[in-house]
Amino acid sequence: MASNEDNYQVLKDYLVERGHGPEEIQSIITRVEDYEEKTQHDSIMDSIGTGGMDIEALVREALGE
């Protein structure tokens, strides 16, 4: 399985091949990271909402119970 860092390197290589400069690449990477974070957050909240994630178990684990 590829690491997140590997995936971003593949994206960077692709953007370089397309002729994007360093500032453009950083802007695109930042946007992708923001999108990824939002998507992960939404996915977790959906799992809690549908009962797919046991929120009580998560709370107990977080509190060391």
PDB file of N, CA and C in Angstrom:
ATOM      1  N   MET A   1       0.848  -1.180   0.000  1.00  0.00           N
ATOM      2  CA  MET A   1       0.000   0.000   0.000  1.00  0.00           C
ATOM      3  C   MET A   1       0.895   1.245   0.000  1.00  0.00           C
ATOM      4  N   ALA A   2       0.583   2.202  -0.846  1.00  0.00           N
ATOM      5  CA  ALA A   2       1.380   3.423  -0.949  1.00  0.00           C
ATOM      6  C   ALA A   2       1.056   4.351   0.216  1.00  0.00           C
ATOM      7  N   SER A   3       2.078   5.033   0.690  1.00  0.00           N
ATOM      8  CA  SER A   3       1.866   5.984   1.776  1.00  0.00           C
ATOM      9  C   SER A   3       1.274   7.270   1.202  1.00  0.00           C
ATOM     10  N   ASN A   4       0.735   8.079   2.101  1.00  0.00           N
ATOM     11  CA  ASN A   4       0.182   9.361   1.695  1.00  0.00           C
ATOM     12  C   ASN A   4       1.255  10.227   1.045  1.00  0.00           C
ATOM     13  N   GLU A   5       2.477  10.159   1.597  1.00  0.00           N
ATOM     14  CA  GLU A   5       3.595  10.925   1.040  1.00  0.00           C
ATOM     15  C   GLU A   5       3.888  10.477  -0.395  1.00  0.00           C
ATOM     16  N   ASP A   6       3.846   9.167  -0.635  1.00  0.00           N
ATOM     17  CA  ASP A   6       4.062   8.642  -1.988  1.00  0.00           C
ATOM     18  C   ASP A   6       2.985   9.152  -2.941  1.00  0.00           C
ATOM     19  N   ASN A   7       1.735   9.155  -2.470  1.00  0.00           N
ATOM     20  CA  ASN A   7       0.630   9.626  -3.307  1.00  0.00           C
ATOM     21  C   ASN A   7       0.810  11.087  -3.687  1.00  0.00           C
ATOM     22  N   TYR A   8       1.249  11.902  -2.731  1.00  0.00           N
ATOM     23  CA  TYR A   8       1.469  13.313  -3.036  1.00  0.00           C
ATOM     24  C   TYR A   8       2.644  13.486  -3.990  1.00  0.00           C
ATOM     25  N   GLN A   9       3.658  12.649  -3.894  1.00  0.00           N
ATOM     26  CA  GLN A   9       4.777  12.737  -4.826  1.00  0.00           C
ATOM     27  C   GLN A   9       4.321  12.406  -6.239  1.00  0.00           C
ATOM     28  N   VAL A  10       3.458  11.420  -6.362  1.00  0.00           N
ATOM     29  CA  VAL A  10       2.905  11.067  -7.682  1.00  0.00           C
ATOM     30  C   VAL A  10       2.130  12.256  -8.239  1.00  0.00           C
ATOM     31  N   LEU A  11       1.333  12.900  -7.396  1.00  0.00           N
ATOM     32  CA  LEU A  11       0.577  14.074  -7.830  1.00  0.00           C
ATOM     33  C   LEU A  11       1.526  15.200  -8.242  1.00  0.00           C
ATOM     34  N   LYS A  12       2.560  15.441  -7.445  1.00  0.00           N
ATOM     35  CA  LYS A  12       3.534  16.481  -7.779  1.00  0.00           C
ATOM     36  C   LYS A  12       4.212  16.193  -9.113  1.00  0.00           C
ATOM     37  N   ASP A  13       4.626  14.944  -9.316  1.00  0.00           N
ATOM     38  CA  ASP A  13       5.264  14.562 -10.580  1.00  0.00           C
ATOM     39  C   ASP A  13       4.320  14.809 -11.754  1.00  0.00           C
ATOM     40  N   TYR A  14       3.059  14.447 -11.582  1.00  0.00           N
ATOM     41  CA  TYR A  14       2.048  14.654 -12.620  1.00  0.00           C
ATOM     42  C   TYR A  14       1.907  16.137 -12.943  1.00  0.00           C
ATOM     43  N   LEU A  15       1.856  16.963 -11.907  1.00  0.00           N
ATOM     44  CA  LEU A  15       1.695  18.405 -12.116  1.00  0.00           C
ATOM     45  C   LEU A  15       2.916  19.014 -12.796  1.00  0.00           C
ATOM     46  N   VAL A  16       4.110  18.531 -12.454  1.00  0.00           N
ATOM     47  CA  VAL A  16       5.331  18.995 -13.121  1.00  0.00           C
ATOM     48  C   VAL A  16       5.267  18.637 -14.600  1.00  0.00           C
ATOM     49  N   GLU A  17       4.846  17.419 -14.907  1.00  0.00           N
ATOM     50  CA  GLU A  17       4.727  16.977 -16.305  1.00  0.00           C
ATOM     51  C   GLU A  17       3.752  17.852 -17.081  1.00  0.00           C
ATOM     52  N   ARG A  18       2.754  18.354 -16.392  1.00  0.00           N
ATOM     53  CA  ARG A  18       1.757  19.221 -17.031  1.00  0.00           C
ATOM     54  C   ARG A  18       2.243  20.658 -17.168  1.00  0.00           C
ATOM     55  N   GLY A  19       3.444  20.951 -16.635  1.00  0.00           N
ATOM     56  CA  GLY A  19       4.036  22.267 -16.811  1.00  0.00           C
ATOM     57  C   GLY A  19       3.751  23.263 -15.708  1.00  0.00           C
ATOM     58  N   HIS A  20       3.217  22.805 -14.576  1.00  0.00           N
ATOM     59  CA  HIS A  20       2.943  23.717 -13.467  1.00  0.00           C
ATOM     60  C   HIS A  20       4.233  24.055 -12.725  1.00  0.00           C
ATOM     61  N   GLY A  21       4.331  25.309 -12.272  1.00  0.00           N
ATOM     62  CA  GLY A  21       5.483  25.765 -11.515  1.00  0.00           C
ATOM     63  C   GLY A  21       5.327  25.456 -10.031  1.00  0.00           C
ATOM     64  N   PRO A  22       6.397  25.680  -9.266  1.00  0.00           N
ATOM     65  CA  PRO A  22       6.393  25.361  -7.833  1.00  0.00           C
ATOM     66  C   PRO A  22       5.260  26.024  -7.043  1.00  0.00           C
ATOM     67  N   GLU A  23       4.972  27.303  -7.307  1.00  0.00           N
ATOM     68  CA  GLU A  23       3.900  27.984  -6.571  1.00  0.00           C
ATOM     69  C   GLU A  23       2.545  27.387  -6.907  1.00  0.00           C
ATOM     70  N   GLU A  24       2.328  27.099  -8.178  1.00  0.00           N
ATOM     71  CA  GLU A  24       1.063  26.489  -8.588  1.00  0.00           C
ATOM     72  C   GLU A  24       0.904  25.108  -7.955  1.00  0.00           C
ATOM     73  N   ILE A  25       1.976  24.338  -7.971  1.00  0.00           N
ATOM     74  CA  ILE A  25       1.934  22.989  -7.396  1.00  0.00           C
ATOM     75  C   ILE A  25       1.605  23.062  -5.912  1.00  0.00           C
ATOM     76  N   GLN A  26       2.242  23.975  -5.184  1.00  0.00           N
ATOM     77  CA  GLN A  26       1.966  24.101  -3.755  1.00  0.00           C
ATOM     78  C   GLN A  26       0.513  24.499  -3.513  1.00  0.00           C
ATOM     79  N   SER A  27      -0.003  25.388  -4.322  1.00  0.00           N
ATOM     80  CA  SER A  27      -1.396  25.813  -4.197  1.00  0.00           C
ATOM     81  C   SER A  27      -2.345  24.640  -4.440  1.00  0.00           C
ATOM     82  N   ILE A  28      -2.048  23.847  -5.450  1.00  0.00           N
ATOM     83  CA  ILE A  28      -2.879  22.685  -5.776  1.00  0.00           C
ATOM     84  C   ILE A  28      -2.797  21.649  -4.658  1.00  0.00           C
ATOM     85  N   ILE A  29      -1.589  21.379  -4.168  1.00  0.00           N
ATOM     86  CA  ILE A  29      -1.403  20.404  -3.086  1.00  0.00           C
ATOM     87  C   ILE A  29      -2.158  20.856  -1.833  1.00  0.00           C
ATOM     88  N   THR A  30      -2.079  22.135  -1.506  1.00  0.00           N
ATOM     89  CA  THR A  30      -2.785  22.664  -0.339  1.00  0.00           C
ATOM     90  C   THR A  30      -4.293  22.453  -0.490  1.00  0.00           C
ATOM     91  N   ARG A  31      -4.799  22.705  -1.676  1.00  0.00           N
ATOM     92  CA  ARG A  31      -6.241  22.519  -1.936  1.00  0.00           C
ATOM     93  C   ARG A  31      -6.623  21.048  -1.798  1.00  0.00           C
ATOM     94  N   VAL A  32      -5.797  20.151  -2.311  1.00  0.00           N
ATOM     95  CA  VAL A  32      -6.066  18.712  -2.211  1.00  0.00           C
ATOM     96  C   VAL A  32      -6.033  18.273  -0.743  1.00  0.00           C
ATOM     97  N   GLU A  33      -5.062  18.772   0.022  1.00  0.00           N
ATOM     98  CA  GLU A  33      -4.973  18.431   1.448  1.00  0.00           C
ATOM     99  C   GLU A  33      -6.210  18.906   2.200  1.00  0.00           C
ATOM    100  N   ASP A  34      -6.675  20.125   1.902  1.00  0.00           N
ATOM    101  CA  ASP A  34      -7.889  20.647   2.535  1.00  0.00           C
ATOM    102  C   ASP A  34      -9.092  19.776   2.192  1.00  0.00           C
ATOM    103  N   TYR A  35      -9.195  19.402   0.928  1.00  0.00           N
ATOM    104  CA  TYR A  35     -10.302  18.548   0.486  1.00  0.00           C
ATOM    105  C   TYR A  35     -10.237  17.189   1.171  1.00  0.00           C
ATOM    106  N   GLU A  36      -9.041  16.625   1.260  1.00  0.00           N
ATOM    107  CA  GLU A  36      -8.861  15.327   1.901  1.00  0.00           C
ATOM    108  C   GLU A  36      -9.277  15.388   3.372  1.00  0.00           C
ATOM    109  N   GLU A  37      -8.865  16.433   4.069  1.00  0.00           N
ATOM    110  CA  GLU A  37      -9.213  16.588   5.485  1.00  0.00           C
ATOM    111  C   GLU A  37     -10.727  16.705   5.663  1.00  0.00           C
ATOM    112  N   LYS A  38     -11.381  17.512   4.821  1.00  0.00           N
ATOM    113  CA  LYS A  38     -12.833  17.685   4.901  1.00  0.00           C
ATOM    114  C   LYS A  38     -13.541  16.370   4.615  1.00  0.00           C
ATOM    115  N   THR A  39     -13.073  15.651   3.612  1.00  0.00           N
ATOM    116  CA  THR A  39     -13.689  14.380   3.242  1.00  0.00           C
ATOM    117  C   THR A  39     -13.565  13.371   4.369  1.00  0.00           C
ATOM    118  N   GLN A  40     -12.396  13.293   4.993  1.00  0.00           N
ATOM    119  CA  GLN A  40     -12.203  12.362   6.106  1.00  0.00           C
ATOM    120  C   GLN A  40     -13.103  12.735   7.271  1.00  0.00           C
ATOM    121  N   HIS A  41     -13.202  14.026   7.568  1.00  0.00           N
ATOM    122  CA  HIS A  41     -14.059  14.495   8.660  1.00  0.00           C
ATOM    123  C   HIS A  41     -15.506  14.116   8.385  1.00  0.00           C
ATOM    124  N   ASP A  42     -15.970  14.395   7.154  1.00  0.00           N
ATOM    125  CA  ASP A  42     -17.348  14.066   6.793  1.00  0.00           C
ATOM    126  C   ASP A  42     -17.605  12.574   6.898  1.00  0.00           C
ATOM    127  N   SER A  43     -16.630  11.773   6.487  1.00  0.00           N
ATOM    128  CA  SER A  43     -16.771  10.321   6.534  1.00  0.00           C
ATOM    129  C   SER A  43     -16.910   9.827   7.976  1.00  0.00           C
ATOM    130  N   ILE A  44     -16.099  10.366   8.865  1.00  0.00           N
ATOM    131  CA  ILE A  44     -16.167   9.981  10.273  1.00  0.00           C
ATOM    132  C   ILE A  44     -17.507  10.381  10.854  1.00  0.00           C
ATOM    133  N   MET A  45     -17.959  11.596  10.579  1.00  0.00           N
ATOM    134  CA  MET A  45     -19.234  12.053  11.115  1.00  0.00           C
ATOM    135  C   MET A  45     -20.393  11.228  10.556  1.00  0.00           C
ATOM    136  N   ASP A  46     -20.311  10.853   9.281  1.00  0.00           N
ATOM    137  CA  ASP A  46     -21.339   9.981   8.701  1.00  0.00           C
ATOM    138  C   ASP A  46     -21.360   8.636   9.410  1.00  0.00           C
ATOM    139  N   SER A  47     -20.189   8.086   9.714  1.00  0.00           N
ATOM    140  CA  SER A  47     -20.099   6.793  10.402  1.00  0.00           C
ATOM    141  C   SER A  47     -20.719   6.869  11.790  1.00  0.00           C
ATOM    142  N   ILE A  48     -20.481   7.962  12.484  1.00  0.00           N
ATOM    143  CA  ILE A  48     -21.083   8.138  13.810  1.00  0.00           C
ATOM    144  C   ILE A  48     -22.597   8.261  13.667  1.00  0.00           C
ATOM    145  N   GLY A  49     -23.042   9.049  12.699  1.00  0.00           N
ATOM    146  CA  GLY A  49     -24.475   9.284  12.493  1.00  0.00           C
ATOM    147  C   GLY A  49     -25.246   8.034  12.122  1.00  0.00           C
ATOM    148  N   THR A  50     -24.620   7.145  11.373  1.00  0.00           N
ATOM    149  CA  THR A  50     -25.317   5.931  10.936  1.00  0.00           C
ATOM    150  C   THR A  50     -25.125   4.774  11.905  1.00  0.00           C
ATOM    151  N   GLY A  51     -24.346   5.000  12.951  1.00  0.00           N
ATOM    152  CA  GLY A  51     -24.113   3.937  13.925  1.00  0.00           C
ATOM    153  C   GLY A  51     -22.995   2.992  13.521  1.00  0.00           C
ATOM    154  N   GLY A  52     -22.319   3.280  12.416  1.00  0.00           N
ATOM    155  CA  GLY A  52     -21.221   2.437  11.965  1.00  0.00           C
ATOM    156  C   GLY A  52     -20.002   2.534  12.861  1.00  0.00           C
ATOM    157  N   MET A  53     -19.899   3.631  13.586  1.00  0.00           N
ATOM    158  CA  MET A  53     -18.804   3.811  14.535  1.00  0.00           C
ATOM    159  C   MET A  53     -19.426   3.883  15.922  1.00  0.00           C
ATOM    160  N   ASP A  54     -18.899   3.116  16.831  1.00  0.00           N
ATOM    161  CA  ASP A  54     -19.401   3.087  18.205  1.00  0.00           C
ATOM    162  C   ASP A  54     -18.818   4.283  18.955  1.00  0.00           C
ATOM    163  N   ILE A  55     -19.598   5.354  19.051  1.00  0.00           N
ATOM    164  CA  ILE A  55     -19.121   6.576  19.680  1.00  0.00           C
ATOM    165  C   ILE A  55     -18.814   6.357  21.153  1.00  0.00           C
ATOM    166  N   GLU A  56     -19.578   5.517  21.835  1.00  0.00           N
ATOM    167  CA  GLU A  56     -19.323   5.249  23.250  1.00  0.00           C
ATOM    168  C   GLU A  56     -17.968   4.574  23.438  1.00  0.00           C
ATOM    169  N   ALA A  57     -17.634   3.621  22.567  1.00  0.00           N
ATOM    170  CA  ALA A  57     -16.339   2.951  22.640  1.00  0.00           C
ATOM    171  C   ALA A  57     -15.217   3.954  22.357  1.00  0.00           C
ATOM    172  N   LEU A  58     -15.447   4.845  21.421  1.00  0.00           N
ATOM    173  CA  LEU A  58     -14.467   5.875  21.097  1.00  0.00           C
ATOM    174  C   LEU A  58     -14.226   6.794  22.285  1.00  0.00           C
ATOM    175  N   VAL A  59     -15.305   7.190  22.978  1.00  0.00           N
ATOM    176  CA  VAL A  59     -15.183   8.041  24.155  1.00  0.00           C
ATOM    177  C   VAL A  59     -14.410   7.321  25.258  1.00  0.00           C
ATOM    178  N   ARG A  60     -14.767   6.070  25.511  1.00  0.00           N
ATOM    179  CA  ARG A  60     -14.069   5.288  26.557  1.00  0.00           C
ATOM    180  C   ARG A  60     -12.579   5.166  26.229  1.00  0.00           C
ATOM    181  N   GLU A  61     -12.277   4.895  24.984  1.00  0.00           N
ATOM    182  CA  GLU A  61     -10.874   4.766  24.569  1.00  0.00           C
ATOM    183  C   GLU A  61     -10.126   6.087  24.750  1.00  0.00           C
ATOM    184  N   ALA A  62     -10.757   7.177  24.358  1.00  0.00           N
ATOM    185  CA  ALA A  62     -10.130   8.496  24.475  1.00  0.00           C
ATOM    186  C   ALA A  62      -9.866   8.863  25.930  1.00  0.00           C
ATOM    187  N   LEU A  63     -10.732   8.401  26.825  1.00  0.00           N
ATOM    188  CA  LEU A  63     -10.593   8.706  28.248  1.00  0.00           C
ATOM    189  C   LEU A  63      -9.788   7.664  29.007  1.00  0.00           C
ATOM    190  N   GLY A  64      -9.316   6.658  28.268  1.00  0.00           N
ATOM    191  CA  GLY A  64      -8.500   5.621  28.892  1.00  0.00           C
ATOM    192  C   GLY A  64      -9.283   4.718  29.812  1.00  0.00           C
ATOM    193  N   GLU A  65     -10.545   4.568  29.551  1.00  0.00           N
ATOM    194  CA  GLU A  65     -11.412   3.719  30.400  1.00  0.00           C
ATOM    195  C   GLU A  65     -11.442   2.305  29.902  1.00  0.00           C
TER     196      GLU A  65
END
